[in-house]
Amino acid sequence: MSEGGFPCTGCGACCMAIGKVLSNVDCLDNPVLRAAVEVFPYKADENGVCEKLVDNKCSVYDDRPIMCNVAALGQLLGRNPYEFYSENIKYCNQLIDLFGLDESYKITQEGLK
C-alpha cells in the first residue's frame, strides 16, 4: 500500500457525483456508511456537484468530511486498507469514465503494493 494513503489523482469526479450519493442515502445498508453520508455538511448544486469543488479542486481538502476521506472511512468501517483502496480505485475510474475526464486521472493498483 502506498505510504501516503489513497492514491487520489485529484480529478474531482467524486465531488461531481456527491449529489447522487446524498440523494440515495436511504439505499445504504451499512449503518456506519449511512451515518457518514448523513452528516455530510455541504450541499450539492443542481448538477450534483459539491459546493466545495472550486476550480476542480476540493476547497476544504485538509478538513474534508469523513465520507470524502478514503483512508479514514475505511478505518471507521473496519476494512482492510488494501482491499478498501482497491474497491475505491475501481469506483474512481468508473466515475472518471462517466464524466469523460482525461484518462491520465485513472488510478492504478501499482501504488498500493
C-alpha atoms as a PDB file:
ATOM      1  CA  MET A   1       0.000   0.000   0.000  1.00  0.00           C
ATOM      2  CA  SER A   2       1.244   3.485  -0.729  1.00  0.00           C
ATOM      3  CA  GLU A   3       2.711   5.274   2.234  1.00  0.00           C
ATOM      4  CA  GLY A   4       0.710   8.434   1.560  1.00  0.00           C
ATOM      5  CA  GLY A   5      -2.663   6.683   1.699  1.00  0.00           C
ATOM      6  CA  PHE A   6      -5.201   6.505  -1.084  1.00  0.00           C
ATOM      7  CA  PRO A   7      -3.578   7.459  -4.417  1.00  0.00           C
ATOM      8  CA  CYS A   8      -6.056  10.193  -5.400  1.00  0.00           C
ATOM      9  CA  THR A   9      -5.252  11.945  -8.677  1.00  0.00           C
ATOM     10  CA  GLY A  10      -7.384  14.994  -7.899  1.00  0.00           C
ATOM     11  CA  CYS A  11      -9.759  14.625 -10.834  1.00  0.00           C
ATOM     12  CA  GLY A  12     -12.785  15.919  -8.898  1.00  0.00           C
ATOM     13  CA  ALA A  13     -15.098  13.156 -10.151  1.00  0.00           C
ATOM     14  CA  CYS A  14     -16.222  12.114  -6.673  1.00  0.00           C
ATOM     15  CA  CYS A  15     -17.063  15.754  -5.902  1.00  0.00           C
ATOM     16  CA  MET A  16     -19.066  15.943  -9.133  1.00  0.00           C
ATOM     17  CA  ALA A  17     -21.132  12.916  -8.067  1.00  0.00           C
ATOM     18  CA  ILE A  18     -21.827  13.889  -4.461  1.00  0.00           C
ATOM     19  CA  GLY A  19     -25.434  14.857  -5.192  1.00  0.00           C
ATOM     20  CA  LYS A  20     -26.169  11.303  -6.315  1.00  0.00           C
ATOM     21  CA  VAL A  21     -24.731   9.913  -3.082  1.00  0.00           C
ATOM     22  CA  LEU A  22     -26.660  12.363  -0.919  1.00  0.00           C
ATOM     23  CA  SER A  23     -29.948  11.703  -2.705  1.00  0.00           C
ATOM     24  CA  ASN A  24     -29.534   7.924  -2.315  1.00  0.00           C
ATOM     25  CA  VAL A  25     -28.556   7.770   1.359  1.00  0.00           C
ATOM     26  CA  ASP A  26     -31.674   5.698   2.104  1.00  0.00           C
ATOM     27  CA  CYS A  27     -30.286   2.906  -0.099  1.00  0.00           C
ATOM     28  CA  LEU A  28     -27.236   2.404   2.115  1.00  0.00           C
ATOM     29  CA  ASP A  29     -27.479  -0.728   4.251  1.00  0.00           C
ATOM     30  CA  ASN A  30     -24.316  -0.199   6.281  1.00  0.00           C
ATOM     31  CA  PRO A  31     -25.221   2.000   9.274  1.00  0.00           C
ATOM     32  CA  VAL A  32     -21.688   3.404   9.625  1.00  0.00           C
ATOM     33  CA  LEU A  33     -21.544   4.403   5.972  1.00  0.00           C
ATOM     34  CA  ARG A  34     -25.057   5.781   6.129  1.00  0.00           C
ATOM     35  CA  ALA A  35     -24.175   7.916   9.162  1.00  0.00           C
ATOM     36  CA  ALA A  36     -21.062   9.245   7.387  1.00  0.00           C
ATOM     37  CA  VAL A  37     -23.225  10.361   4.463  1.00  0.00           C
ATOM     38  CA  GLU A  38     -25.983  11.780   6.676  1.00  0.00           C
ATOM     39  CA  VAL A  39     -23.559  14.117   8.468  1.00  0.00           C
ATOM     40  CA  PHE A  40     -22.047  15.434   5.230  1.00  0.00           C
ATOM     41  CA  PRO A  41     -22.075  19.193   5.915  1.00  0.00           C
ATOM     42  CA  TYR A  42     -22.176  20.594   2.365  1.00  0.00           C
ATOM     43  CA  LYS A  43     -24.740  20.872  -0.394  1.00  0.00           C
ATOM     44  CA  ALA A  44     -24.699  19.818  -3.995  1.00  0.00           C
ATOM     45  CA  ASP A  45     -25.704  22.193  -6.768  1.00  0.00           C
ATOM     46  CA  GLU A  46     -28.433  21.446  -9.334  1.00  0.00           C
ATOM     47  CA  ASN A  47     -25.953  19.263 -11.262  1.00  0.00           C
ATOM     48  CA  GLY A  48     -24.981  17.215  -8.188  1.00  0.00           C
ATOM     49  CA  VAL A  49     -21.595  18.895  -7.760  1.00  0.00           C
ATOM     50  CA  CYS A  50     -20.353  19.571  -4.231  1.00  0.00           C
ATOM     51  CA  GLU A  51     -20.378  23.250  -3.336  1.00  0.00           C
ATOM     52  CA  LYS A  52     -16.780  22.935  -2.096  1.00  0.00           C
ATOM     53  CA  LEU A  53     -15.400  21.962  -5.508  1.00  0.00           C
ATOM     54  CA  VAL A  54     -13.647  25.108  -6.728  1.00  0.00           C
ATOM     55  CA  ASP A  55     -11.579  25.157  -9.929  1.00  0.00           C
ATOM     56  CA  ASN A  56     -11.882  21.350  -9.949  1.00  0.00           C
ATOM     57  CA  LYS A  57     -10.235  21.096  -6.511  1.00  0.00           C
ATOM     58  CA  CYS A  58     -11.721  20.476  -3.078  1.00  0.00           C
ATOM     59  CA  SER A  59     -11.534  23.770  -1.221  1.00  0.00           C
ATOM     60  CA  VAL A  60     -11.745  22.007   2.167  1.00  0.00           C
ATOM     61  CA  TYR A  61      -9.499  19.031   1.370  1.00  0.00           C
ATOM     62  CA  ASP A  62      -7.376  19.278   4.522  1.00  0.00           C
ATOM     63  CA  ASP A  63     -10.547  19.317   6.635  1.00  0.00           C
ATOM     64  CA  ARG A  64     -12.806  17.220   4.394  1.00  0.00           C
ATOM     65  CA  PRO A  65     -15.731  15.214   5.791  1.00  0.00           C
ATOM     66  CA  ILE A  66     -15.206  11.562   6.724  1.00  0.00           C
ATOM     67  CA  MET A  67     -17.050  10.244   3.665  1.00  0.00           C
ATOM     68  CA  CYS A  68     -14.553  12.103   1.456  1.00  0.00           C
ATOM     69  CA  ASN A  69     -11.518  10.634   3.190  1.00  0.00           C
ATOM     70  CA  VAL A  70     -10.994   7.118   1.833  1.00  0.00           C
ATOM     71  CA  ALA A  71      -8.384   6.181   4.440  1.00  0.00           C
ATOM     72  CA  ALA A  72     -10.409   7.413   7.411  1.00  0.00           C
ATOM     73  CA  LEU A  73     -13.672   5.951   6.127  1.00  0.00           C
ATOM     74  CA  GLY A  74     -12.089   2.563   5.529  1.00  0.00           C
ATOM     75  CA  GLN A  75     -10.677   2.584   9.047  1.00  0.00           C
ATOM     76  CA  LEU A  76     -14.056   3.598  10.501  1.00  0.00           C
ATOM     77  CA  LEU A  77     -15.671   0.727   8.597  1.00  0.00           C
ATOM     78  CA  GLY A  78     -13.021  -1.681   9.889  1.00  0.00           C
ATOM     79  CA  ARG A  79     -11.914  -2.568   6.377  1.00  0.00           C
ATOM     80  CA  ASN A  80      -8.551  -3.864   5.238  1.00  0.00           C
ATOM     81  CA  PRO A  81      -6.892  -0.762   3.712  1.00  0.00           C
ATOM     82  CA  TYR A  82      -5.547  -2.541   0.630  1.00  0.00           C
ATOM     83  CA  GLU A  83      -8.937  -4.085  -0.196  1.00  0.00           C
ATOM     84  CA  PHE A  84     -10.861  -0.884   0.524  1.00  0.00           C
ATOM     85  CA  TYR A  85      -8.482   1.199  -1.584  1.00  0.00           C
ATOM     86  CA  SER A  86      -8.710  -1.355  -4.409  1.00  0.00           C
ATOM     87  CA  GLU A  87     -12.512  -1.147  -4.409  1.00  0.00           C
ATOM     88  CA  ASN A  88     -12.400   2.632  -4.383  1.00  0.00           C
ATOM     89  CA  ILE A  89      -9.913   2.715  -7.259  1.00  0.00           C
ATOM     90  CA  LYS A  90     -12.442   0.774  -9.337  1.00  0.00           C
ATOM     91  CA  TYR A  91     -15.228   3.237  -8.472  1.00  0.00           C
ATOM     92  CA  CYS A  92     -12.983   6.262  -9.080  1.00  0.00           C
ATOM     93  CA  ASN A  93     -12.069   5.019 -12.522  1.00  0.00           C
ATOM     94  CA  GLN A  94     -15.739   4.387 -13.329  1.00  0.00           C
ATOM     95  CA  LEU A  95     -16.558   7.983 -12.361  1.00  0.00           C
ATOM     96  CA  ILE A  96     -13.684   9.252 -14.485  1.00  0.00           C
ATOM     97  CA  ASP A  97     -15.205   7.398 -17.456  1.00  0.00           C
ATOM     98  CA  LEU A  98     -18.729   8.587 -16.599  1.00  0.00           C
ATOM     99  CA  PHE A  99     -17.694  12.237 -16.571  1.00  0.00           C
ATOM    100  CA  GLY A 100     -15.470  11.859 -19.630  1.00  0.00           C
ATOM    101  CA  LEU A 101     -12.362  13.026 -17.807  1.00  0.00           C
ATOM    102  CA  ASP A 102      -8.868  12.589 -19.193  1.00  0.00           C
ATOM    103  CA  GLU A 103      -7.507   9.050 -18.926  1.00  0.00           C
ATOM    104  CA  SER A 104      -4.437  10.396 -17.121  1.00  0.00           C
ATOM    105  CA  TYR A 105      -6.594  10.747 -13.995  1.00  0.00           C
ATOM    106  CA  LYS A 106      -7.167   6.998 -13.803  1.00  0.00           C
ATOM    107  CA  ILE A 107      -5.661   5.262 -10.788  1.00  0.00           C
ATOM    108  CA  THR A 108      -3.710   2.032 -10.992  1.00  0.00           C
ATOM    109  CA  GLN A 109      -3.204  -0.656  -8.374  1.00  0.00           C
ATOM    110  CA  GLU A 110       0.582  -0.252  -8.585  1.00  0.00           C
ATOM    111  CA  GLY A 111       0.774   2.382  -5.876  1.00  0.00           C
ATOM    112  CA  LEU A 112      -0.854   0.039  -3.350  1.00  0.00           C
ATOM    113  CA  LYS A 113       1.820  -2.633  -3.279  1.00  0.00           C
END
